[in-house]
Amino acid sequence: MRKWGGNVLKIRLMGTKNDIKWFEKILKRQPKVAVTEVSEMYRNKGTNRFYRAYVEVQKANIKEKTN
């Protein structure tokens, strides 16, 4: 997976496993957003139903500087 420099937004997703997977798919289909990293799902303490995952995104139209 390619790492991007600067302008990274880190998002915590919380919900059921299906909700998190659904939203990940929506993010990945957005033309203006590049999903650079998705963590594994972690179970929230005290519940068997809700999980959390972490996603890093960046503007997809950022151009790298070349020298």
C-alpha atoms as a PDB file:
ATOM      1  CA  MET A   1       0.000   0.000   0.000  1.00  0.00           C
ATOM      2  CA  ARG A   2       1.349   3.415  -0.958  1.00  0.00           C
ATOM      3  CA  LYS A   3       1.980   6.012   1.736  1.00  0.00           C
ATOM      4  CA  TRP A   4       1.096   9.622   0.967  1.00  0.00           C
ATOM      5  CA  GLY A   5       2.680  12.675   2.515  1.00  0.00           C
ATOM      6  CA  GLY A   6       0.654  15.384   4.240  1.00  0.00           C
ATOM      7  CA  ASN A   7      -3.064  16.127   4.301  1.00  0.00           C
ATOM      8  CA  VAL A   8      -3.985  12.783   5.857  1.00  0.00           C
ATOM      9  CA  LEU A   9      -7.306  12.471   7.649  1.00  0.00           C
ATOM     10  CA  LYS A  10      -7.595   9.700  10.244  1.00  0.00           C
ATOM     11  CA  ILE A  11     -11.116   8.442  10.910  1.00  0.00           C
ATOM     12  CA  ARG A  12     -12.414   6.067  13.575  1.00  0.00           C
ATOM     13  CA  LEU A  13     -15.419   4.029  12.434  1.00  0.00           C
ATOM     14  CA  MET A  14     -17.662   2.540  15.095  1.00  0.00           C
ATOM     15  CA  GLY A  15     -20.606   0.207  14.597  1.00  0.00           C
ATOM     16  CA  THR A  16     -21.431  -3.372  13.765  1.00  0.00           C
ATOM     17  CA  LYS A  17     -19.045  -5.323  11.537  1.00  0.00           C
ATOM     18  CA  ASN A  18     -21.487  -4.998   8.634  1.00  0.00           C
ATOM     19  CA  ASP A  19     -21.857  -1.244   9.132  1.00  0.00           C
ATOM     20  CA  ILE A  20     -18.088  -0.729   9.120  1.00  0.00           C
ATOM     21  CA  LYS A  21     -17.581  -2.866   5.993  1.00  0.00           C
ATOM     22  CA  TRP A  22     -20.436  -1.021   4.258  1.00  0.00           C
ATOM     23  CA  PHE A  23     -18.935   2.394   4.994  1.00  0.00           C
ATOM     24  CA  GLU A  24     -15.423   1.298   3.956  1.00  0.00           C
ATOM     25  CA  LYS A  25     -16.831   0.343   0.544  1.00  0.00           C
ATOM     26  CA  ILE A  26     -18.512   3.738   0.235  1.00  0.00           C
ATOM     27  CA  LEU A  27     -15.262   5.545   1.069  1.00  0.00           C
ATOM     28  CA  LYS A  28     -13.258   3.499  -1.437  1.00  0.00           C
ATOM     29  CA  ARG A  29     -15.710   4.346  -4.249  1.00  0.00           C
ATOM     30  CA  GLN A  30     -15.404   8.102  -3.754  1.00  0.00           C
ATOM     31  CA  PRO A  31     -13.361   9.622  -6.610  1.00  0.00           C
ATOM     32  CA  LYS A  32     -12.061  12.511  -4.485  1.00  0.00           C
ATOM     33  CA  VAL A  33     -10.840  10.297  -1.633  1.00  0.00           C
ATOM     34  CA  ALA A  34      -7.866   7.933  -1.589  1.00  0.00           C
ATOM     35  CA  VAL A  35      -8.092   5.357   1.215  1.00  0.00           C
ATOM     36  CA  THR A  36      -4.462   4.821   2.216  1.00  0.00           C
ATOM     37  CA  GLU A  37      -4.915   2.471   5.159  1.00  0.00           C
ATOM     38  CA  VAL A  38      -7.618   0.413   6.894  1.00  0.00           C
ATOM     39  CA  SER A  39      -7.000  -1.269  10.245  1.00  0.00           C
ATOM     40  CA  GLU A  40      -8.382  -4.553  11.449  1.00  0.00           C
ATOM     41  CA  MET A  41     -11.621  -4.462  13.452  1.00  0.00           C
ATOM     42  CA  TYR A  42     -11.380  -4.226  17.223  1.00  0.00           C
ATOM     43  CA  ARG A  43     -14.187  -5.254  19.570  1.00  0.00           C
ATOM     44  CA  ASN A  44     -15.425  -2.465  21.825  1.00  0.00           C
ATOM     45  CA  LYS A  45     -15.151  -3.278  25.519  1.00  0.00           C
ATOM     46  CA  GLY A  46     -18.334  -4.441  27.174  1.00  0.00           C
ATOM     47  CA  THR A  47     -20.160  -5.476  23.990  1.00  0.00           C
ATOM     48  CA  ASN A  48     -20.145  -8.301  21.483  1.00  0.00           C
ATOM     49  CA  ARG A  49     -22.076  -6.279  18.910  1.00  0.00           C
ATOM     50  CA  PHE A  50     -20.050  -3.116  18.294  1.00  0.00           C
ATOM     51  CA  TYR A  51     -16.582  -2.818  16.802  1.00  0.00           C
ATOM     52  CA  ARG A  52     -14.233  -0.069  15.710  1.00  0.00           C
ATOM     53  CA  ALA A  53     -11.799   0.298  12.829  1.00  0.00           C
ATOM     54  CA  TYR A  54      -9.449   3.074  11.793  1.00  0.00           C
ATOM     55  CA  VAL A  55      -9.175   4.462   8.270  1.00  0.00           C
ATOM     56  CA  GLU A  56      -6.671   6.916   6.799  1.00  0.00           C
ATOM     57  CA  VAL A  57      -7.800   8.932   3.794  1.00  0.00           C
ATOM     58  CA  GLN A  58      -6.357  11.669   1.659  1.00  0.00           C
ATOM     59  CA  LYS A  59      -7.556  13.868  -1.172  1.00  0.00           C
ATOM     60  CA  ALA A  60      -7.205  11.784  -4.315  1.00  0.00           C
ATOM     61  CA  ASN A  61      -6.294  14.748  -6.517  1.00  0.00           C
ATOM     62  CA  ILE A  62      -3.099  15.677  -4.651  1.00  0.00           C
ATOM     63  CA  LYS A  63      -0.160  15.711  -7.049  1.00  0.00           C
ATOM     64  CA  GLU A  64       3.302  14.770  -5.872  1.00  0.00           C
ATOM     65  CA  LYS A  65       6.033  17.340  -6.403  1.00  0.00           C
ATOM     66  CA  THR A  66       8.806  16.269  -8.714  1.00  0.00           C
ATOM     67  CA  ASN A  67      12.232  17.895  -8.890  1.00  0.00           C
END
